[in-house]
């Protein structure tokens, strides 16, 4: 079974505090729609309008697509 953690960095490649891979809950298994969370929270609205880089730390996993959106 594969595993993945996600980190979010600013445009310069610096980890945004609270959104590092070390803060991310590990995602295990196959998913079509899985919400990622950092320290138990998935709200990324503070990043709206900012340029970011997404980092995927994966083990025995394949990434086919992802969607980055604000909460509904």
PDB file of N, CA and C in Angstrom:
ATOM      1  N   UNK A   1       0.848  -1.179   0.000  1.00  0.00           N
ATOM      2  CA  UNK A   1       0.000   0.000   0.000  1.00  0.00           C
ATOM      3  C   UNK A   1       0.888   1.234   0.000  1.00  0.00           C
ATOM      4  N   UNK A   2       0.587   2.178  -0.870  1.00  0.00           N
ATOM      5  CA  UNK A   2       1.364   3.393  -0.978  1.00  0.00           C
ATOM      6  C   UNK A   2       0.996   4.416   0.080  1.00  0.00           C
ATOM      7  N   UNK A   3       1.853   5.407   0.212  1.00  0.00           N
ATOM      8  CA  UNK A   3       1.627   6.492   1.171  1.00  0.00           C
ATOM      9  C   UNK A   3       2.101   7.802   0.564  1.00  0.00           C
ATOM     10  N   UNK A   4       1.451   8.886   0.971  1.00  0.00           N
ATOM     11  CA  UNK A   4       1.793  10.203   0.437  1.00  0.00           C
ATOM     12  C   UNK A   4       1.583  11.274   1.504  1.00  0.00           C
ATOM     13  N   UNK A   5       2.478  12.249   1.518  1.00  0.00           N
ATOM     14  CA  UNK A   5       2.290  13.462   2.311  1.00  0.00           C
ATOM     15  C   UNK A   5       2.524  14.638   1.374  1.00  0.00           C
ATOM     16  N   UNK A   6       1.878  15.755   1.670  1.00  0.00           N
ATOM     17  CA  UNK A   6       1.936  16.926   0.794  1.00  0.00           C
ATOM     18  C   UNK A   6       2.468  18.127   1.571  1.00  0.00           C
ATOM     19  N   UNK A   7       3.365  18.857   0.943  1.00  0.00           N
ATOM     20  CA  UNK A   7       3.866  20.094   1.518  1.00  0.00           C
ATOM     21  C   UNK A   7       3.554  21.250   0.582  1.00  0.00           C
ATOM     22  N   UNK A   8       3.376  22.422   1.137  1.00  0.00           N
ATOM     23  CA  UNK A   8       3.132  23.608   0.326  1.00  0.00           C
ATOM     24  C   UNK A   8       4.240  24.612   0.608  1.00  0.00           C
ATOM     25  N   UNK A   9       4.828  25.110  -0.479  1.00  0.00           N
ATOM     26  CA  UNK A   9       5.924  26.065  -0.380  1.00  0.00           C
ATOM     27  C   UNK A   9       5.536  27.365  -1.078  1.00  0.00           C
ATOM     28  N   UNK A  10       6.223  28.439  -0.729  1.00  0.00           N
ATOM     29  CA  UNK A  10       5.982  29.710  -1.410  1.00  0.00           C
ATOM     30  C   UNK A  10       6.678  29.688  -2.772  1.00  0.00           C
ATOM     31  N   UNK A  11       6.573  30.770  -3.528  1.00  0.00           N
ATOM     32  CA  UNK A  11       7.125  30.831  -4.885  1.00  0.00           C
ATOM     33  C   UNK A  11       8.637  30.656  -4.913  1.00  0.00           C
ATOM     34  N   UNK A  12       9.309  30.967  -3.806  1.00  0.00           N
ATOM     35  CA  UNK A  12      10.765  30.831  -3.732  1.00  0.00           C
ATOM     36  C   UNK A  12      11.196  29.437  -3.284  1.00  0.00           C
ATOM     37  N   UNK A  13      10.247  28.567  -2.959  1.00  0.00           N
ATOM     38  CA  UNK A  13      10.574  27.207  -2.544  1.00  0.00           C
ATOM     39  C   UNK A  13      10.750  27.022  -1.049  1.00  0.00           C
ATOM     40  N   UNK A  14      10.372  28.016  -0.261  1.00  0.00           N
ATOM     41  CA  UNK A  14      10.449  27.912   1.195  1.00  0.00           C
ATOM     42  C   UNK A  14       9.127  27.345   1.721  1.00  0.00           C
ATOM     43  N   UNK A  15       9.217  26.393   2.625  1.00  0.00           N
ATOM     44  CA  UNK A  15       8.011  25.798   3.196  1.00  0.00           C
ATOM     45  C   UNK A  15       7.193  26.848   3.926  1.00  0.00           C
ATOM     46  N   UNK A  16       5.902  26.872   3.669  1.00  0.00           N
ATOM     47  CA  UNK A  16       5.003  27.785   4.357  1.00  0.00           C
ATOM     48  C   UNK A  16       4.718  27.188   5.732  1.00  0.00           C
ATOM     49  N   UNK A  17       4.968  27.942   6.811  1.00  0.00           N
ATOM     50  CA  UNK A  17       4.761  27.408   8.162  1.00  0.00           C
ATOM     51  C   UNK A  17       3.370  26.787   8.335  1.00  0.00           C
ATOM     52  N   UNK A  18       3.359  25.576   8.898  1.00  0.00           N
ATOM     53  CA  UNK A  18       2.116  24.858   9.123  1.00  0.00           C
ATOM     54  C   UNK A  18       1.684  23.980   7.965  1.00  0.00           C
ATOM     55  N   UNK A  19       2.356  24.135   6.796  1.00  0.00           N
ATOM     56  CA  UNK A  19       1.989  23.360   5.606  1.00  0.00           C
ATOM     57  C   UNK A  19       3.136  22.488   5.105  1.00  0.00           C
ATOM     58  N   UNK A  20       4.086  22.173   5.967  1.00  0.00           N
ATOM     59  CA  UNK A  20       5.196  21.313   5.572  1.00  0.00           C
ATOM     60  C   UNK A  20       4.785  19.847   5.529  1.00  0.00           C
ATOM     61  N   UNK A  21       5.586  19.029   4.859  1.00  0.00           N
ATOM     62  CA  UNK A  21       5.268  17.602   4.812  1.00  0.00           C
ATOM     63  C   UNK A  21       5.256  17.000   6.205  1.00  0.00           C
ATOM     64  N   UNK A  22       6.047  17.556   7.111  1.00  0.00           N
ATOM     65  CA  UNK A  22       6.066  17.039   8.481  1.00  0.00           C
ATOM     66  C   UNK A  22       4.763  17.339   9.227  1.00  0.00           C
ATOM     67  N   UNK A  23       3.996  18.321   8.766  1.00  0.00           N
ATOM     68  CA  UNK A  23       2.702  18.664   9.364  1.00  0.00           C
ATOM     69  C   UNK A  23       1.553  17.885   8.735  1.00  0.00           C
ATOM     70  N   UNK A  24       1.801  17.278   7.589  1.00  0.00           N
ATOM     71  CA  UNK A  24       0.741  16.633   6.809  1.00  0.00           C
ATOM     72  C   UNK A  24       0.399  15.247   7.350  1.00  0.00           C
ATOM     73  N   UNK A  25      -0.883  14.964   7.452  1.00  0.00           N
ATOM     74  CA  UNK A  25      -1.332  13.619   7.807  1.00  0.00           C
ATOM     75  C   UNK A  25      -1.042  12.701   6.629  1.00  0.00           C
ATOM     76  N   UNK A  26      -0.529  11.522   6.904  1.00  0.00           N
ATOM     77  CA  UNK A  26      -0.186  10.582   5.843  1.00  0.00           C
ATOM     78  C   UNK A  26      -1.455  10.045   5.193  1.00  0.00           C
ATOM     79  N   UNK A  27      -1.457  10.039   3.871  1.00  0.00           N
ATOM     80  CA  UNK A  27      -2.567   9.492   3.093  1.00  0.00           C
ATOM     81  C   UNK A  27      -2.138   8.104   2.633  1.00  0.00           C
ATOM     82  N   UNK A  28      -2.890   7.088   3.045  1.00  0.00           N
ATOM     83  CA  UNK A  28      -2.612   5.707   2.660  1.00  0.00           C
ATOM     84  C   UNK A  28      -3.674   5.215   1.685  1.00  0.00           C
ATOM     85  N   UNK A  29      -3.288   4.367   0.738  1.00  0.00           N
ATOM     86  CA  UNK A  29      -4.250   3.682  -0.110  1.00  0.00           C
ATOM     87  C   UNK A  29      -4.620   4.434  -1.366  1.00  0.00           C
ATOM     88  N   UNK A  30      -5.604   3.887  -2.069  1.00  0.00           N
ATOM     89  CA  UNK A  30      -6.097   4.448  -3.326  1.00  0.00           C
ATOM     90  C   UNK A  30      -7.306   5.334  -3.069  1.00  0.00           C
ATOM     91  N   UNK A  31      -7.298   6.516  -3.667  1.00  0.00           N
ATOM     92  CA  UNK A  31      -8.407   7.450  -3.473  1.00  0.00           C
ATOM     93  C   UNK A  31      -8.710   8.190  -4.765  1.00  0.00           C
ATOM     94  N   UNK A  32      -9.971   8.452  -4.991  1.00  0.00           N
ATOM     95  CA  UNK A  32     -10.386   9.285  -6.115  1.00  0.00           C
ATOM     96  C   UNK A  32     -10.537  10.727  -5.643  1.00  0.00           C
ATOM     97  N   UNK A  33     -11.013  10.908  -4.423  1.00  0.00           N
ATOM     98  CA  UNK A  33     -11.180  12.247  -3.844  1.00  0.00           C
ATOM     99  C   UNK A  33     -10.802  12.169  -2.370  1.00  0.00           C
ATOM    100  N   UNK A  34      -9.620  12.642  -2.033  1.00  0.00           N
ATOM    101  CA  UNK A  34      -9.133  12.594  -0.655  1.00  0.00           C
ATOM    102  C   UNK A  34      -8.700  13.994  -0.241  1.00  0.00           C
ATOM    103  N   UNK A  35      -9.205  14.472   0.871  1.00  0.00           N
ATOM    104  CA  UNK A  35      -8.824  15.782   1.399  1.00  0.00           C
ATOM    105  C   UNK A  35      -7.564  15.612   2.242  1.00  0.00           C
ATOM    106  N   UNK A  36      -6.572  16.439   1.976  1.00  0.00           N
ATOM    107  CA  UNK A  36      -5.311  16.407   2.720  1.00  0.00           C
ATOM    108  C   UNK A  36      -5.409  17.383   3.884  1.00  0.00           C
ATOM    109  N   UNK A  37      -4.806  17.031   5.008  1.00  0.00           N
ATOM    110  CA  UNK A  37      -4.837  17.946   6.159  1.00  0.00           C
ATOM    111  C   UNK A  37      -3.444  18.096   6.764  1.00  0.00           C
ATOM    112  N   UNK A  38      -3.232  19.251   7.355  1.00  0.00           N
ATOM    113  CA  UNK A  38      -1.984  19.570   8.047  1.00  0.00           C
ATOM    114  C   UNK A  38      -2.344  19.874   9.491  1.00  0.00           C
ATOM    115  N   UNK A  39      -1.756  19.133  10.410  1.00  0.00           N
ATOM    116  CA  UNK A  39      -2.055  19.286  11.836  1.00  0.00           C
ATOM    117  C   UNK A  39      -3.563  19.247  12.087  1.00  0.00           C
ATOM    118  N   UNK A  40      -4.255  18.383  11.327  1.00  0.00           N
ATOM    119  CA  UNK A  40      -5.689  18.182  11.513  1.00  0.00           C
ATOM    120  C   UNK A  40      -6.595  19.167  10.806  1.00  0.00           C
ATOM    121  N   UNK A  41      -6.038  20.155  10.110  1.00  0.00           N
ATOM    122  CA  UNK A  41      -6.860  21.160   9.421  1.00  0.00           C
ATOM    123  C   UNK A  41      -6.583  21.105   7.918  1.00  0.00           C
ATOM    124  N   UNK A  42      -7.634  21.280   7.120  1.00  0.00           N
ATOM    125  CA  UNK A  42      -7.468  21.231   5.671  1.00  0.00           C
ATOM    126  C   UNK A  42      -7.730  22.579   4.991  1.00  0.00           C
ATOM    127  N   UNK A  43      -7.952  23.615   5.761  1.00  0.00           N
ATOM    128  CA  UNK A  43      -8.272  24.941   5.219  1.00  0.00           C
ATOM    129  C   UNK A  43      -7.016  25.598   4.637  1.00  0.00           C
ATOM    130  N   UNK A  44      -7.041  25.858   3.333  1.00  0.00           N
ATOM    131  CA  UNK A  44      -5.926  26.527   2.663  1.00  0.00           C
ATOM    132  C   UNK A  44      -6.316  27.922   2.181  1.00  0.00           C
ATOM    133  N   UNK A  45      -7.417  28.449   2.687  1.00  0.00           N
ATOM    134  CA  UNK A  45      -7.909  29.754   2.225  1.00  0.00           C
ATOM    135  C   UNK A  45      -6.912  30.884   2.485  1.00  0.00           C
ATOM    136  N   UNK A  46      -6.036  30.735   3.465  1.00  0.00           N
ATOM    137  CA  UNK A  46      -5.027  31.768   3.746  1.00  0.00           C
ATOM    138  C   UNK A  46      -4.036  31.898   2.585  1.00  0.00           C
ATOM    139  N   UNK A  47      -3.997  30.899   1.713  1.00  0.00           N
ATOM    140  CA  UNK A  47      -3.064  30.910   0.586  1.00  0.00           C
ATOM    141  C   UNK A  47      -3.698  31.414  -0.703  1.00  0.00           C
ATOM    142  N   UNK A  48      -4.984  31.752  -0.667  1.00  0.00           N
ATOM    143  CA  UNK A  48      -5.700  32.212  -1.868  1.00  0.00           C
ATOM    144  C   UNK A  48      -5.007  33.422  -2.480  1.00  0.00           C
ATOM    145  N   UNK A  49      -4.808  33.393  -3.786  1.00  0.00           N
ATOM    146  CA  UNK A  49      -4.198  34.496  -4.499  1.00  0.00           C
ATOM    147  C   UNK A  49      -2.683  34.511  -4.465  1.00  0.00           C
ATOM    148  N   UNK A  50      -2.075  33.570  -3.759  1.00  0.00           N
ATOM    149  CA  UNK A  50      -0.617  33.513  -3.667  1.00  0.00           C
ATOM    150  C   UNK A  50      -0.077  32.429  -4.589  1.00  0.00           C
ATOM    151  N   UNK A  51       1.112  32.661  -5.116  1.00  0.00           N
ATOM    152  CA  UNK A  51       1.791  31.623  -5.898  1.00  0.00           C
ATOM    153  C   UNK A  51       2.398  30.621  -4.934  1.00  0.00           C
ATOM    154  N   UNK A  52       2.122  29.351  -5.166  1.00  0.00           N
ATOM    155  CA  UNK A  52       2.648  28.304  -4.297  1.00  0.00           C
ATOM    156  C   UNK A  52       3.214  27.166  -5.132  1.00  0.00           C
ATOM    157  N   UNK A  53       4.044  26.359  -4.492  1.00  0.00           N
ATOM    158  CA  UNK A  53       4.562  25.126  -5.070  1.00  0.00           C
ATOM    159  C   UNK A  53       4.052  23.982  -4.198  1.00  0.00           C
ATOM    160  N   UNK A  54       3.631  22.909  -4.836  1.00  0.00           N
ATOM    161  CA  UNK A  54       3.128  21.744  -4.116  1.00  0.00           C
ATOM    162  C   UNK A  54       4.199  20.657  -4.185  1.00  0.00           C
ATOM    163  N   UNK A  55       4.538  20.089  -3.033  1.00  0.00           N
ATOM    164  CA  UNK A  55       5.545  19.036  -2.953  1.00  0.00           C
ATOM    165  C   UNK A  55       4.859  17.756  -2.488  1.00  0.00           C
ATOM    166  N   UNK A  56       5.036  16.669  -3.238  1.00  0.00           N
ATOM    167  CA  UNK A  56       4.463  15.379  -2.882  1.00  0.00           C
ATOM    168  C   UNK A  56       5.586  14.449  -2.443  1.00  0.00           C
ATOM    169  N   UNK A  57       5.525  13.973  -1.211  1.00  0.00           N
ATOM    170  CA  UNK A  57       6.478  13.011  -0.669  1.00  0.00           C
ATOM    171  C   UNK A  57       5.774  11.661  -0.698  1.00  0.00           C
ATOM    172  N   UNK A  58       6.140  10.811  -1.667  1.00  0.00           N
ATOM    173  CA  UNK A  58       5.409   9.562  -1.882  1.00  0.00           C
ATOM    174  C   UNK A  58       6.320   8.359  -1.729  1.00  0.00           C
ATOM    175  N   UNK A  59       5.744   7.289  -1.197  1.00  0.00           N
ATOM    176  CA  UNK A  59       6.427   6.016  -1.043  1.00  0.00           C
ATOM    177  C   UNK A  59       5.539   4.933  -1.644  1.00  0.00           C
ATOM    178  N   UNK A  60       6.094   4.195  -2.613  1.00  0.00           N
ATOM    179  CA  UNK A  60       5.359   3.110  -3.280  1.00  0.00           C
ATOM    180  C   UNK A  60       3.998   3.595  -3.767  1.00  0.00           C
ATOM    181  N   UNK A  61       3.982   4.789  -4.352  1.00  0.00           N
ATOM    182  CA  UNK A  61       2.717   5.403  -4.785  1.00  0.00           C
ATOM    183  C   UNK A  61       2.881   6.046  -6.151  1.00  0.00           C
ATOM    184  N   UNK A  62       1.747   6.230  -6.829  1.00  0.00           N
ATOM    185  CA  UNK A  62       1.699   6.929  -8.104  1.00  0.00           C
ATOM    186  C   UNK A  62       0.636   8.011  -8.007  1.00  0.00           C
ATOM    187  N   UNK A  63       0.939   9.166  -8.548  1.00  0.00           N
ATOM    188  CA  UNK A  63      -0.004  10.276  -8.545  1.00  0.00           C
ATOM    189  C   UNK A  63      -0.483  10.504  -9.973  1.00  0.00           C
ATOM    190  N   UNK A  64      -1.777  10.408 -10.182  1.00  0.00           N
ATOM    191  CA  UNK A  64      -2.332  10.596 -11.510  1.00  0.00           C
ATOM    192  C   UNK A  64      -2.898  12.001 -11.700  1.00  0.00           C
ATOM    193  N   UNK A  65      -3.427  12.601 -10.667  1.00  0.00           N
ATOM    194  CA  UNK A  65      -3.989  13.944 -10.772  1.00  0.00           C
ATOM    195  C   UNK A  65      -4.192  14.497  -9.372  1.00  0.00           C
ATOM    196  N   UNK A  66      -4.285  15.818  -9.280  1.00  0.00           N
ATOM    197  CA  UNK A  66      -4.652  16.446  -8.016  1.00  0.00           C
ATOM    198  C   UNK A  66      -5.409  17.724  -8.329  1.00  0.00           C
ATOM    199  N   UNK A  67      -6.199  18.157  -7.344  1.00  0.00           N
ATOM    200  CA  UNK A  67      -6.953  19.396  -7.472  1.00  0.00           C
ATOM    201  C   UNK A  67      -6.724  20.205  -6.212  1.00  0.00           C
ATOM    202  N   UNK A  68      -6.453  21.471  -6.382  1.00  0.00           N
ATOM    203  CA  UNK A  68      -6.179  22.371  -5.266  1.00  0.00           C
ATOM    204  C   UNK A  68      -7.286  23.397  -5.253  1.00  0.00           C
ATOM    205  N   UNK A  69      -8.143  23.340  -4.231  1.00  0.00           N
ATOM    206  CA  UNK A  69      -9.261  24.284  -4.198  1.00  0.00           C
ATOM    207  C   UNK A  69      -9.595  24.674  -2.764  1.00  0.00           C
ATOM    208  N   UNK A  70     -10.244  25.809  -2.644  1.00  0.00           N
ATOM    209  CA  UNK A  70     -10.689  26.280  -1.335  1.00  0.00           C
ATOM    210  C   UNK A  70     -11.902  25.470  -0.879  1.00  0.00           C
ATOM    211  N   UNK A  71     -12.124  25.438   0.410  1.00  0.00           N
ATOM    212  CA  UNK A  71     -13.261  24.710   0.964  1.00  0.00           C
ATOM    213  C   UNK A  71     -14.571  25.312   0.471  1.00  0.00           C
ATOM    214  N   UNK A  72     -15.573  24.476   0.397  1.00  0.00           N
ATOM    215  CA  UNK A  72     -16.880  24.946  -0.077  1.00  0.00           C
ATOM    216  C   UNK A  72     -17.705  25.511   1.048  1.00  0.00           C
TER     217      UNK A  72
END
